[in-house]
């Protein structure tokens, strides 16, 4: 959604993250279903933390596709000796989403941010319907032929 006539506002919250280990292999980020705000979770970094072994640690994101079927997608394969950290450039996800340690024993830390778009006014009135044909012609820029 795009803010229209001041109807929406944004909140950015730091996602303090989670840690996946051999004993805690998954973490689910979810929001209150009664909340009618739009939520985006952006994953910024996945990294091995103190105590990690030199083994492959595969982190998956588990969510639902357009047919509401559960899907798991690997997003990081970390190894202490060659790639202990991965920047995901704010990989955006829509909650609920589960992070799962599919291989390895971790500990793997995930961090990012959470954006909430609050809908202040649900009525989206289209003011453009009041334009006359004459006004529409004025607003449209003429189409110029391409130069060769």
Protein backbone atom coordinates (compact mmCIF):
# COMPACT_ATOMS: atom_id res chain seq x y z
CA UNK A 1 0.00 0.00 0.00
CA UNK A 2 1.09 3.51 -0.72
CA UNK A 3 0.16 6.28 1.70
CA UNK A 4 -2.72 8.30 0.18
CA UNK A 5 -3.90 11.58 1.69
CA UNK A 6 -2.20 10.82 5.00
CA UNK A 7 -4.04 7.55 5.64
CA UNK A 8 -1.07 5.44 6.66
CA UNK A 9 1.95 5.68 8.91
CA UNK A 10 5.00 3.47 9.37
CA UNK A 11 6.80 2.16 12.41
CA UNK A 12 10.24 0.60 12.20
CA UNK A 13 11.25 -1.72 15.00
CA UNK A 14 14.55 -3.44 15.44
CA UNK A 15 14.05 -7.19 15.23
CA UNK A 16 16.29 -8.20 18.13
CA UNK A 17 16.65 -11.50 16.40
CA UNK A 18 16.79 -15.04 17.51
CA UNK A 19 19.38 -17.71 18.05
CA UNK A 20 19.10 -21.18 16.59
CA UNK A 21 20.98 -23.99 18.32
CA UNK A 22 21.01 -27.78 18.57
CA UNK A 23 18.46 -27.54 21.40
CA UNK A 24 16.36 -24.71 19.85
CA UNK A 25 16.21 -25.54 16.16
CA UNK A 26 13.40 -23.17 15.18
CA UNK A 27 11.90 -19.78 15.93
CA UNK A 28 8.58 -18.45 14.64
CA UNK A 29 7.95 -14.74 14.18
CA UNK A 30 4.26 -13.96 14.15
CA UNK A 31 1.97 -11.02 14.71
CA UNK A 32 -1.47 -10.72 16.28
CA UNK A 33 -4.01 -11.89 13.69
CA UNK A 34 -6.50 -9.29 14.94
CA UNK A 35 -4.07 -6.49 14.05
CA UNK A 36 -5.13 -5.03 10.70
CA UNK A 37 -1.75 -3.37 10.12
CA UNK A 38 0.56 -4.69 7.43
CA UNK A 39 3.78 -6.24 8.70
CA UNK A 40 7.10 -6.86 6.98
CA UNK A 41 10.03 -8.64 8.59
CA UNK A 42 13.37 -7.93 6.92
CA UNK A 43 16.26 -10.23 7.65
CA UNK A 44 19.58 -8.35 7.56
CA UNK A 45 22.25 -10.72 8.84
CA UNK A 46 22.74 -14.37 9.73
CA UNK A 47 25.93 -15.23 11.59
CA UNK A 48 27.59 -17.90 13.66
CA UNK A 49 28.17 -16.87 17.26
CA UNK A 50 30.56 -17.86 20.04
CA UNK A 51 30.74 -21.62 20.51
CA UNK A 52 30.00 -22.59 16.90
CA UNK A 53 31.77 -25.66 15.50
CA UNK A 54 33.42 -25.77 12.10
CA UNK A 55 30.48 -27.51 10.42
CA UNK A 56 27.87 -26.55 7.86
CA UNK A 57 24.94 -24.73 9.45
CA UNK A 58 21.99 -24.43 7.08
CA UNK A 59 19.23 -21.95 7.96
CA UNK A 60 15.85 -22.26 6.26
CA UNK A 61 12.90 -19.90 6.11
CA UNK A 62 9.60 -21.72 6.37
CA UNK A 63 6.47 -19.98 5.18
CA UNK A 64 3.39 -20.47 3.04
CA UNK A 65 3.04 -20.02 -0.70
CA UNK A 66 0.09 -18.56 -2.62
CA UNK A 67 -1.74 -21.91 -2.34
CA UNK A 68 -1.26 -21.89 1.47
CA UNK A 69 1.17 -24.82 1.28
CA UNK A 70 4.16 -24.84 3.61
CA UNK A 71 7.47 -24.27 1.83
CA UNK A 72 11.01 -24.23 3.19
CA UNK A 73 13.75 -22.26 1.44
CA UNK A 74 17.41 -22.36 2.53
CA UNK A 75 18.74 -18.81 2.97
CA UNK A 76 22.17 -19.39 4.51
CA UNK A 77 24.87 -22.07 4.65
CA UNK A 78 27.44 -20.96 7.20
CA UNK A 79 30.73 -22.57 8.19
CA UNK A 80 33.10 -21.08 10.76
CA UNK A 81 36.26 -21.55 8.65
CA UNK A 82 34.95 -20.08 5.39
CA UNK A 83 31.71 -18.12 5.80
CA UNK A 84 30.75 -17.31 9.39
CA UNK A 85 28.47 -14.40 8.43
CA UNK A 86 26.03 -13.63 5.62
CA UNK A 87 24.42 -10.27 4.86
CA UNK A 88 20.94 -10.76 3.41
CA UNK A 89 20.41 -7.11 2.43
CA UNK A 90 17.05 -6.84 4.24
CA UNK A 91 15.47 -9.98 2.79
CA UNK A 92 11.76 -9.17 3.21
CA UNK A 93 9.29 -11.70 4.58
CA UNK A 94 5.63 -11.53 5.53
CA UNK A 95 4.78 -12.97 8.97
CA UNK A 96 4.13 -15.55 10.18
CA UNK A 97 7.50 -16.99 9.26
CA UNK A 98 9.64 -19.67 10.88
CA UNK A 99 13.43 -19.81 10.86
CA UNK A 100 14.79 -23.32 11.16
CA UNK A 101 18.28 -24.75 11.62
CA UNK A 102 18.08 -27.54 9.03
CA UNK A 103 21.68 -28.73 9.49
CA UNK A 104 24.42 -28.09 12.02
CA UNK A 105 24.30 -27.29 15.70
CA UNK A 106 24.79 -23.52 15.65
CA UNK A 107 24.58 -21.26 17.45
CA UNK A 108 23.35 -19.10 14.57
CA UNK A 109 22.07 -15.57 15.24
CA UNK A 110 19.53 -13.85 12.95
CA UNK A 111 18.82 -10.11 13.08
CA UNK A 112 16.93 -7.50 11.09
CA UNK A 113 14.01 -5.11 11.39
CA UNK A 114 10.23 -5.18 11.54
CA UNK A 115 8.12 -2.62 9.67
CA UNK A 116 4.51 -2.00 10.61
CA UNK A 117 2.22 0.02 8.38
CA UNK A 118 -0.69 1.38 10.41
CA UNK A 119 -3.89 2.14 8.56
CA UNK A 120 -5.28 5.32 10.08
CA UNK A 121 -8.20 5.66 7.70
CA UNK A 122 -9.56 2.64 5.84
CA UNK A 123 -11.61 4.74 3.40
CA UNK A 124 -9.61 5.34 0.26
CA UNK A 125 -11.55 7.95 -1.65
CA UNK A 126 -10.41 8.56 -5.18
CA UNK A 127 -10.49 12.31 -5.74
CA UNK A 128 -9.59 11.85 -9.41
CA UNK A 129 -13.17 10.79 -10.28
CA UNK A 130 -14.24 14.45 -10.10
CA UNK A 131 -11.99 15.46 -13.00
CA UNK A 132 -13.70 16.54 -16.17
CA UNK A 133 -12.50 15.37 -19.59
CA UNK A 134 -11.04 18.84 -20.12
CA UNK A 135 -8.96 18.57 -16.91
CA UNK A 136 -7.77 15.09 -17.87
CA UNK A 137 -6.50 16.36 -21.21
CA UNK A 138 -4.54 19.09 -19.43
CA UNK A 139 -2.92 16.60 -17.06
CA UNK A 140 -1.75 14.21 -19.77
CA UNK A 141 1.56 15.12 -21.33
CA UNK A 142 1.65 14.93 -25.11
CA UNK A 143 3.35 11.90 -26.62
CA UNK A 144 6.40 12.98 -28.56
CA UNK A 145 7.81 10.91 -31.42
CA UNK A 146 11.14 9.20 -30.78
CA UNK A 147 14.22 10.92 -32.21
CA UNK A 148 16.23 8.93 -34.72
